[in-house]
mmCIF file of all heavy atoms, coordinates in Angstrom:
data_MODEL
# 
_entry.id   MODEL 
# 
loop_
_atom_site.group_PDB 
_atom_site.id 
_atom_site.type_symbol 
_atom_site.label_atom_id 
_atom_site.label_alt_id 
_atom_site.label_comp_id 
_atom_site.label_asym_id 
_atom_site.label_entity_id 
_atom_site.label_seq_id 
_atom_site.pdbx_PDB_ins_code 
_atom_site.Cartn_x 
_atom_site.Cartn_y 
_atom_site.Cartn_z 
_atom_site.occupancy 
_atom_site.B_iso_or_equiv 
_atom_site.pdbx_formal_charge 
_atom_site.auth_seq_id 
_atom_site.auth_comp_id 
_atom_site.auth_asym_id 
_atom_site.auth_atom_id 
_atom_site.pdbx_PDB_model_num 
ATOM 1   N N   . ILE A 1 1  ? 167.970 58.810 104.522 1.00 0.00 ? 1  ILE A N   1 
ATOM 2   C CA  . ILE A 1 1  ? 169.067 58.894 103.556 1.00 0.00 ? 1  ILE A CA  1 
ATOM 3   C C   . ILE A 1 1  ? 168.638 59.704 102.347 1.00 0.00 ? 1  ILE A C   1 
ATOM 4   O O   . ILE A 1 1  ? 169.479 60.269 101.627 1.00 0.00 ? 1  ILE A O   1 
ATOM 5   C CB  . ILE A 1 1  ? 169.515 57.482 103.137 1.00 0.00 ? 1  ILE A CB  1 
ATOM 6   C CG1 . ILE A 1 1  ? 170.795 57.539 102.280 1.00 0.00 ? 1  ILE A CG1 1 
ATOM 7   C CG2 . ILE A 1 1  ? 168.408 56.764 102.372 1.00 0.00 ? 1  ILE A CG2 1 
ATOM 8   C CD1 . ILE A 1 1  ? 171.988 58.090 102.994 1.00 0.00 ? 1  ILE A CD1 1 
ATOM 9   N N   . ASP A 1 2  ? 167.308 59.802 102.132 1.00 0.00 ? 2  ASP A N   1 
ATOM 10  C CA  . ASP A 1 2  ? 166.813 60.577 101.002 1.00 0.00 ? 2  ASP A CA  1 
ATOM 11  C C   . ASP A 1 2  ? 167.203 62.048 101.107 1.00 0.00 ? 2  ASP A C   1 
ATOM 12  O O   . ASP A 1 2  ? 167.331 62.729 100.082 1.00 0.00 ? 2  ASP A O   1 
ATOM 13  C CB  . ASP A 1 2  ? 165.290 60.467 100.903 1.00 0.00 ? 2  ASP A CB  1 
ATOM 14  C CG  . ASP A 1 2  ? 164.844 59.063 100.503 1.00 0.00 ? 2  ASP A CG  1 
ATOM 15  O OD1 . ASP A 1 2  ? 165.638 58.380 99.838  1.00 0.00 ? 2  ASP A OD1 1 
ATOM 16  O OD2 . ASP A 1 2  ? 163.732 58.662 100.868 1.00 0.00 ? 2  ASP A OD2 1 
ATOM 17  N N   . VAL A 1 3  ? 167.358 62.568 102.326 1.00 0.00 ? 3  VAL A N   1 
ATOM 18  C CA  . VAL A 1 3  ? 167.776 63.953 102.502 1.00 0.00 ? 3  VAL A CA  1 
ATOM 19  C C   . VAL A 1 3  ? 169.140 64.167 101.867 1.00 0.00 ? 3  VAL A C   1 
ATOM 20  O O   . VAL A 1 3  ? 169.355 65.089 101.069 1.00 0.00 ? 3  VAL A O   1 
ATOM 21  C CB  . VAL A 1 3  ? 167.811 64.325 103.997 1.00 0.00 ? 3  VAL A CB  1 
ATOM 22  C CG1 . VAL A 1 3  ? 168.467 65.688 104.183 1.00 0.00 ? 3  VAL A CG1 1 
ATOM 23  C CG2 . VAL A 1 3  ? 166.408 64.317 104.586 1.00 0.00 ? 3  VAL A CG2 1 
ATOM 24  N N   . VAL A 1 4  ? 170.090 63.305 102.221 1.00 0.00 ? 4  VAL A N   1 
ATOM 25  C CA  . VAL A 1 4  ? 171.433 63.421 101.680 1.00 0.00 ? 4  VAL A CA  1 
ATOM 26  C C   . VAL A 1 4  ? 171.438 63.184 100.174 1.00 0.00 ? 4  VAL A C   1 
ATOM 27  O O   . VAL A 1 4  ? 172.116 63.896 99.425  1.00 0.00 ? 4  VAL A O   1 
ATOM 28  C CB  . VAL A 1 4  ? 172.391 62.437 102.386 1.00 0.00 ? 4  VAL A CB  1 
ATOM 29  C CG1 . VAL A 1 4  ? 173.767 62.462 101.736 1.00 0.00 ? 4  VAL A CG1 1 
ATOM 30  C CG2 . VAL A 1 4  ? 172.501 62.781 103.865 1.00 0.00 ? 4  VAL A CG2 1 
ATOM 31  N N   . LEU A 1 5  ? 170.665 62.186 99.720  1.00 0.00 ? 5  LEU A N   1 
ATOM 32  C CA  . LEU A 1 5  ? 170.599 61.919 98.291  1.00 0.00 ? 5  LEU A CA  1 
ATOM 33  C C   . LEU A 1 5  ? 170.064 63.132 97.530  1.00 0.00 ? 5  LEU A C   1 
ATOM 34  O O   . LEU A 1 5  ? 170.549 63.455 96.445  1.00 0.00 ? 5  LEU A O   1 
ATOM 35  C CB  . LEU A 1 5  ? 169.716 60.699 98.027  1.00 0.00 ? 5  LEU A CB  1 
ATOM 36  C CG  . LEU A 1 5  ? 170.282 59.342 98.463  1.00 0.00 ? 5  LEU A CG  1 
ATOM 37  C CD1 . LEU A 1 5  ? 169.249 58.243 98.246  1.00 0.00 ? 5  LEU A CD1 1 
ATOM 38  C CD2 . LEU A 1 5  ? 171.569 59.028 97.717  1.00 0.00 ? 5  LEU A CD2 1 
ATOM 39  N N   . GLY A 1 6  ? 169.055 63.794 98.095  1.00 0.00 ? 6  GLY A N   1 
ATOM 40  C CA  . GLY A 1 6  ? 168.503 64.982 97.454  1.00 0.00 ? 6  GLY A CA  1 
ATOM 41  C C   . GLY A 1 6  ? 169.516 66.101 97.363  1.00 0.00 ? 6  GLY A C   1 
ATOM 42  O O   . GLY A 1 6  ? 169.639 66.777 96.332  1.00 0.00 ? 6  GLY A O   1 
ATOM 43  N N   . LEU A 1 7  ? 170.270 66.323 98.432  1.00 0.00 ? 7  LEU A N   1 
ATOM 44  C CA  . LEU A 1 7  ? 171.295 67.363 98.430  1.00 0.00 ? 7  LEU A CA  1 
ATOM 45  C C   . LEU A 1 7  ? 172.408 67.018 97.445  1.00 0.00 ? 7  LEU A C   1 
ATOM 46  O O   . LEU A 1 7  ? 172.912 67.878 96.726  1.00 0.00 ? 7  LEU A O   1 
ATOM 47  C CB  . LEU A 1 7  ? 171.866 67.546 99.835  1.00 0.00 ? 7  LEU A CB  1 
ATOM 48  C CG  . LEU A 1 7  ? 170.894 68.105 100.877 1.00 0.00 ? 7  LEU A CG  1 
ATOM 49  C CD1 . LEU A 1 7  ? 171.506 68.041 102.266 1.00 0.00 ? 7  LEU A CD1 1 
ATOM 50  C CD2 . LEU A 1 7  ? 170.479 69.541 100.538 1.00 0.00 ? 7  LEU A CD2 1 
ATOM 51  N N   . GLU A 1 8  ? 172.792 65.752 97.412  1.00 0.00 ? 8  GLU A N   1 
ATOM 52  C CA  . GLU A 1 8  ? 173.830 65.332 96.473  1.00 0.00 ? 8  GLU A CA  1 
ATOM 53  C C   . GLU A 1 8  ? 173.370 65.468 95.026  1.00 0.00 ? 8  GLU A C   1 
ATOM 54  O O   . GLU A 1 8  ? 174.185 65.681 94.123  1.00 0.00 ? 8  GLU A O   1 
ATOM 55  C CB  . GLU A 1 8  ? 174.246 63.890 96.763  1.00 0.00 ? 8  GLU A CB  1 
ATOM 56  C CG  . GLU A 1 8  ? 175.037 63.729 98.056  1.00 0.00 ? 8  GLU A CG  1 
ATOM 57  C CD  . GLU A 1 8  ? 175.382 62.283 98.353  1.00 0.00 ? 8  GLU A CD  1 
ATOM 58  O OE1 . GLU A 1 8  ? 174.737 61.386 97.764  1.00 0.00 ? 8  GLU A OE1 1 
ATOM 59  O OE2 . GLU A 1 8  ? 176.285 62.054 99.176  1.00 0.00 ? 8  GLU A OE2 1 
ATOM 60  N N   . ALA A 1 9  ? 172.061 65.350 94.812  1.00 0.00 ? 9  ALA A N   1 
ATOM 61  C CA  . ALA A 1 9  ? 171.509 65.489 93.468  1.00 0.00 ? 9  ALA A CA  1 
ATOM 62  C C   . ALA A 1 9  ? 171.472 66.935 93.010  1.00 0.00 ? 9  ALA A C   1 
ATOM 63  O O   . ALA A 1 9  ? 171.216 67.209 91.836  1.00 0.00 ? 9  ALA A O   1 
ATOM 64  C CB  . ALA A 1 9  ? 170.103 64.895 93.404  1.00 0.00 ? 9  ALA A CB  1 
ATOM 65  N N   . GLY A 1 10 ? 171.712 67.872 93.928  1.00 0.00 ? 10 GLY A N   1 
ATOM 66  C CA  . GLY A 1 10 ? 171.762 69.278 93.557  1.00 0.00 ? 10 GLY A CA  1 
ATOM 67  C C   . GLY A 1 10 ? 170.778 70.173 94.270  1.00 0.00 ? 10 GLY A C   1 
ATOM 68  O O   . GLY A 1 10 ? 170.703 71.374 93.965  1.00 0.00 ? 10 GLY A O   1 
ATOM 69  N N   . ALA A 1 11 ? 170.004 69.638 95.222  1.00 0.00 ? 11 ALA A N   1 
ATOM 70  C CA  . ALA A 1 11 ? 169.065 70.482 95.970  1.00 0.00 ? 11 ALA A CA  1 
ATOM 71  C C   . ALA A 1 11 ? 169.826 71.485 96.833  1.00 0.00 ? 11 ALA A C   1 
ATOM 72  O O   . ALA A 1 11 ? 170.936 71.225 97.291  1.00 0.00 ? 11 ALA A O   1 
ATOM 73  C CB  . ALA A 1 11 ? 168.158 69.622 96.844  1.00 0.00 ? 11 ALA A CB  1 
ATOM 74  N N   . ASP A 1 12 ? 169.210 72.631 97.060  1.00 0.00 ? 12 ASP A N   1 
ATOM 75  C CA  . ASP A 1 12 ? 169.841 73.681 97.849  1.00 0.00 ? 12 ASP A CA  1 
ATOM 76  C C   . ASP A 1 12 ? 169.487 73.599 99.324  1.00 0.00 ? 12 ASP A C   1 
ATOM 77  O O   . ASP A 1 12 ? 170.229 74.083 100.178 1.00 0.00 ? 12 ASP A O   1 
ATOM 78  C CB  . ASP A 1 12 ? 169.431 75.056 97.299  1.00 0.00 ? 12 ASP A CB  1 
ATOM 79  C CG  . ASP A 1 12 ? 169.883 75.238 95.864  1.00 0.00 ? 12 ASP A CG  1 
ATOM 80  O OD1 . ASP A 1 12 ? 171.057 75.577 95.657  1.00 0.00 ? 12 ASP A OD1 1 
ATOM 81  O OD2 . ASP A 1 12 ? 169.069 75.022 94.948  1.00 0.00 ? 12 ASP A OD2 1 
ATOM 82  N N   . ASP A 1 13 ? 168.348 73.001 99.637  1.00 0.00 ? 13 ASP A N   1 
ATOM 83  C CA  . ASP A 1 13 ? 167.901 72.910 101.024 1.00 0.00 ? 13 ASP A CA  1 
ATOM 84  C C   . ASP A 1 13 ? 166.820 71.837 101.089 1.00 0.00 ? 13 ASP A C   1 
ATOM 85  O O   . ASP A 1 13 ? 166.396 71.298 100.064 1.00 0.00 ? 13 ASP A O   1 
ATOM 86  C CB  . ASP A 1 13 ? 167.340 74.259 101.488 1.00 0.00 ? 13 ASP A CB  1 
ATOM 87  C CG  . ASP A 1 13 ? 167.337 74.417 102.999 1.00 0.00 ? 13 ASP A CG  1 
ATOM 88  O OD1 . ASP A 1 13 ? 167.661 73.435 103.708 1.00 0.00 ? 13 ASP A OD1 1 
ATOM 89  O OD2 . ASP A 1 13 ? 167.004 75.510 103.486 1.00 0.00 ? 13 ASP A OD2 1 
ATOM 90  N N   . TYR A 1 14 ? 166.379 71.513 102.313 1.00 0.00 ? 14 TYR A N   1 
ATOM 91  C CA  . TYR A 1 14 ? 165.272 70.576 102.467 1.00 0.00 ? 14 TYR A CA  1 
ATOM 92  C C   . TYR A 1 14 ? 164.443 70.971 103.678 1.00 0.00 ? 14 TYR A C   1 
ATOM 93  O O   . TYR A 1 14 ? 164.909 71.664 104.579 1.00 0.00 ? 14 TYR A O   1 
ATOM 94  C CB  . TYR A 1 14 ? 165.773 69.134 102.598 1.00 0.00 ? 14 TYR A CB  1 
ATOM 95  C CG  . TYR A 1 14 ? 166.237 68.760 103.988 1.00 0.00 ? 14 TYR A CG  1 
ATOM 96  C CD1 . TYR A 1 14 ? 165.362 68.160 104.895 1.00 0.00 ? 14 TYR A CD1 1 
ATOM 97  C CD2 . TYR A 1 14 ? 167.535 69.020 104.390 1.00 0.00 ? 14 TYR A CD2 1 
ATOM 98  C CE1 . TYR A 1 14 ? 165.777 67.850 106.180 1.00 0.00 ? 14 TYR A CE1 1 
ATOM 99  C CE2 . TYR A 1 14 ? 167.961 68.700 105.668 1.00 0.00 ? 14 TYR A CE2 1 
ATOM 100 C CZ  . TYR A 1 14 ? 167.083 68.113 106.552 1.00 0.00 ? 14 TYR A CZ  1 
ATOM 101 O OH  . TYR A 1 14 ? 167.493 67.808 107.818 1.00 0.00 ? 14 TYR A OH  1 
ATOM 102 N N   . VAL A 1 15 ? 163.200 70.537 103.678 1.00 0.00 ? 15 VAL A N   1 
ATOM 103 C CA  . VAL A 1 15 ? 162.276 70.788 104.779 1.00 0.00 ? 15 VAL A CA  1 
ATOM 104 C C   . VAL A 1 15 ? 161.639 69.448 105.148 1.00 0.00 ? 15 VAL A C   1 
ATOM 105 O O   . VAL A 1 15 ? 161.230 68.680 104.276 1.00 0.00 ? 15 VAL A O   1 
ATOM 106 C CB  . VAL A 1 15 ? 161.175 71.798 104.390 1.00 0.00 ? 15 VAL A CB  1 
ATOM 107 C CG1 . VAL A 1 15 ? 160.158 71.950 105.523 1.00 0.00 ? 15 VAL A CG1 1 
ATOM 108 C CG2 . VAL A 1 15 ? 161.795 73.142 104.049 1.00 0.00 ? 15 VAL A CG2 1 
ATOM 109 N N   . THR A 1 16 ? 161.567 69.161 106.451 1.00 0.00 ? 16 THR A N   1 
ATOM 110 C CA  . THR A 1 16 ? 161.022 67.896 106.924 1.00 0.00 ? 16 THR A CA  1 
ATOM 111 C C   . THR A 1 16 ? 159.505 67.978 107.078 1.00 0.00 ? 16 THR A C   1 
ATOM 112 O O   . THR A 1 16 ? 158.970 68.964 107.590 1.00 0.00 ? 16 THR A O   1 
ATOM 113 C CB  . THR A 1 16 ? 161.654 67.527 108.283 1.00 0.00 ? 16 THR A CB  1 
ATOM 114 O OG1 . THR A 1 16 ? 163.069 67.466 108.127 1.00 0.00 ? 16 THR A OG1 1 
ATOM 115 C CG2 . THR A 1 16 ? 161.154 66.183 108.762 1.00 0.00 ? 16 THR A CG2 1 
ATOM 116 N N   . LYS A 1 17 ? 158.808 66.962 106.598 1.00 0.00 ? 17 LYS A N   1 
ATOM 117 C CA  . LYS A 1 17 ? 157.355 66.849 106.769 1.00 0.00 ? 17 LYS A CA  1 
ATOM 118 C C   . LYS A 1 17 ? 157.055 66.087 108.065 1.00 0.00 ? 17 LYS A C   1 
ATOM 119 O O   . LYS A 1 17 ? 157.809 65.180 108.422 1.00 0.00 ? 17 LYS A O   1 
ATOM 120 C CB  . LYS A 1 17 ? 156.749 66.100 105.575 1.00 0.00 ? 17 LYS A CB  1 
ATOM 121 C CG  . LYS A 1 17 ? 156.951 66.802 104.251 1.00 0.00 ? 17 LYS A CG  1 
ATOM 122 C CD  . LYS A 1 17 ? 156.705 65.895 103.072 1.00 0.00 ? 17 LYS A CD  1 
ATOM 123 C CE  . LYS A 1 17 ? 155.271 65.413 102.977 1.00 0.00 ? 17 LYS A CE  1 
ATOM 124 N NZ  . LYS A 1 17 ? 155.049 64.613 101.748 1.00 0.00 ? 17 LYS A NZ  1 
ATOM 125 N N   . PRO A 1 18 ? 155.945 66.444 108.754 1.00 0.00 ? 18 PRO A N   1 
ATOM 126 C CA  . PRO A 1 18 ? 155.043 67.562 108.452 1.00 0.00 ? 18 PRO A CA  1 
ATOM 127 C C   . PRO A 1 18 ? 155.696 68.897 108.787 1.00 0.00 ? 18 PRO A C   1 
ATOM 128 O O   . PRO A 1 18 ? 156.496 68.987 109.706 1.00 0.00 ? 18 PRO A O   1 
ATOM 129 C CB  . PRO A 1 18 ? 153.840 67.295 109.369 1.00 0.00 ? 18 PRO A CB  1 
ATOM 130 C CG  . PRO A 1 18 ? 154.435 66.564 110.530 1.00 0.00 ? 18 PRO A CG  1 
ATOM 131 C CD  . PRO A 1 18 ? 155.529 65.706 109.969 1.00 0.00 ? 18 PRO A CD  1 
ATOM 132 N N   . PHE A 1 19 ? 155.382 69.922 108.014 1.00 0.00 ? 19 PHE A N   1 
ATOM 133 C CA  . PHE A 1 19 ? 156.012 71.222 108.191 1.00 0.00 ? 19 PHE A CA  1 
ATOM 134 C C   . PHE A 1 19 ? 154.966 72.281 108.499 1.00 0.00 ? 19 PHE A C   1 
ATOM 135 O O   . PHE A 1 19 ? 153.797 72.170 108.126 1.00 0.00 ? 19 PHE A O   1 
ATOM 136 C CB  . PHE A 1 19 ? 156.795 71.618 106.943 1.00 0.00 ? 19 PHE A CB  1 
ATOM 137 C CG  . PHE A 1 19 ? 156.028 71.464 105.656 1.00 0.00 ? 19 PHE A CG  1 
ATOM 138 C CD1 . PHE A 1 19 ? 155.071 72.391 105.270 1.00 0.00 ? 19 PHE A CD1 1 
ATOM 139 C CD2 . PHE A 1 19 ? 156.258 70.374 104.831 1.00 0.00 ? 19 PHE A CD2 1 
ATOM 140 C CE1 . PHE A 1 19 ? 154.360 72.240 104.097 1.00 0.00 ? 19 PHE A CE1 1 
ATOM 141 C CE2 . PHE A 1 19 ? 155.548 70.212 103.646 1.00 0.00 ? 19 PHE A CE2 1 
ATOM 142 C CZ  . PHE A 1 19 ? 154.602 71.151 103.282 1.00 0.00 ? 19 PHE A CZ  1 
ATOM 143 N N   . ASP A 1 20 ? 155.408 73.289 109.199 1.00 0.00 ? 20 ASP A N   1 
ATOM 144 C CA  . ASP A 1 20 ? 154.576 74.460 109.463 1.00 0.00 ? 20 ASP A CA  1 
ATOM 145 C C   . ASP A 1 20 ? 154.633 75.369 108.237 1.00 0.00 ? 20 ASP A C   1 
ATOM 146 O O   . ASP A 1 20 ? 155.706 75.611 107.687 1.00 0.00 ? 20 ASP A O   1 
ATOM 147 C CB  . ASP A 1 20 ? 155.093 75.201 110.707 1.00 0.00 ? 20 ASP A CB  1 
ATOM 148 C CG  . ASP A 1 20 ? 154.278 76.437 111.009 1.00 0.00 ? 20 ASP A CG  1 
ATOM 149 O OD1 . ASP A 1 20 ? 153.284 76.330 111.748 1.00 0.00 ? 20 ASP A OD1 1 
ATOM 150 O OD2 . ASP A 1 20 ? 154.640 77.510 110.505 1.00 0.00 ? 20 ASP A OD2 1 
ATOM 151 N N   . GLY A 1 21 ? 153.473 75.871 107.820 1.00 0.00 ? 21 GLY A N   1 
ATOM 152 C CA  . GLY A 1 21 ? 153.430 76.698 106.619 1.00 0.00 ? 21 GLY A CA  1 
ATOM 153 C C   . GLY A 1 21 ? 154.322 77.916 106.698 1.00 0.00 ? 21 GLY A C   1 
ATOM 154 O O   . GLY A 1 21 ? 154.987 78.276 105.717 1.00 0.00 ? 21 GLY A O   1 
ATOM 155 N N   . ALA A 1 22 ? 154.384 78.558 107.866 1.00 0.00 ? 22 ALA A N   1 
ATOM 156 C CA  . ALA A 1 22 ? 155.209 79.749 108.019 1.00 0.00 ? 22 ALA A CA  1 
ATOM 157 C C   . ALA A 1 22 ? 156.690 79.413 107.886 1.00 0.00 ? 22 ALA A C   1 
ATOM 158 O O   . ALA A 1 22 ? 157.471 80.185 107.320 1.00 0.00 ? 22 ALA A O   1 
ATOM 159 C CB  . ALA A 1 22 ? 154.936 80.399 109.374 1.00 0.00 ? 22 ALA A CB  1 
ATOM 160 N N   . VAL A 1 23 ? 157.082 78.244 108.405 1.00 0.00 ? 23 VAL A N   1 
ATOM 161 C CA  . VAL A 1 23 ? 158.474 77.822 108.292 1.00 0.00 ? 23 VAL A CA  1 
ATOM 162 C C   . VAL A 1 23 ? 158.829 77.551 106.840 1.00 0.00 ? 23 VAL A C   1 
ATOM 163 O O   . VAL A 1 23 ? 159.904 77.935 106.349 1.00 0.00 ? 23 VAL A O   1 
ATOM 164 C CB  . VAL A 1 23 ? 158.735 76.568 109.157 1.00 0.00 ? 23 VAL A CB  1 
ATOM 165 C CG1 . VAL A 1 23 ? 160.112 75.994 108.869 1.00 0.00 ? 23 VAL A CG1 1 
ATOM 166 C CG2 . VAL A 1 23 ? 158.596 76.907 110.636 1.00 0.00 ? 23 VAL A CG2 1 
ATOM 167 N N   . LEU A 1 24 ? 157.932 76.879 106.123 1.00 0.00 ? 24 LEU A N   1 
ATOM 168 C CA  . LEU A 1 24 ? 158.177 76.598 104.717 1.00 0.00 ? 24 LEU A CA  1 
ATOM 169 C C   . LEU A 1 24 ? 158.345 77.891 103.927 1.00 0.00 ? 24 LEU A C   1 
ATOM 170 O O   . LEU A 1 24 ? 159.275 78.014 103.119 1.00 0.00 ? 24 LEU A O   1 
ATOM 171 C CB  . LEU A 1 24 ? 157.029 75.775 104.140 1.00 0.00 ? 24 LEU A CB  1 
ATOM 172 C CG  . LEU A 1 24 ? 157.144 75.438 102.647 1.00 0.00 ? 24 LEU A CG  1 
ATOM 173 C CD1 . LEU A 1 24 ? 158.375 74.580 102.375 1.00 0.00 ? 24 LEU A CD1 1 
ATOM 174 C CD2 . LEU A 1 24 ? 155.878 74.725 102.169 1.00 0.00 ? 24 LEU A CD2 1 
# 
């Protein structure tokens, strides 16, 4: 739910951990 909360707070995008450095 933190993903949606972050977007609602004004974030433009999100990346899921663990992430690949090239993707980030």
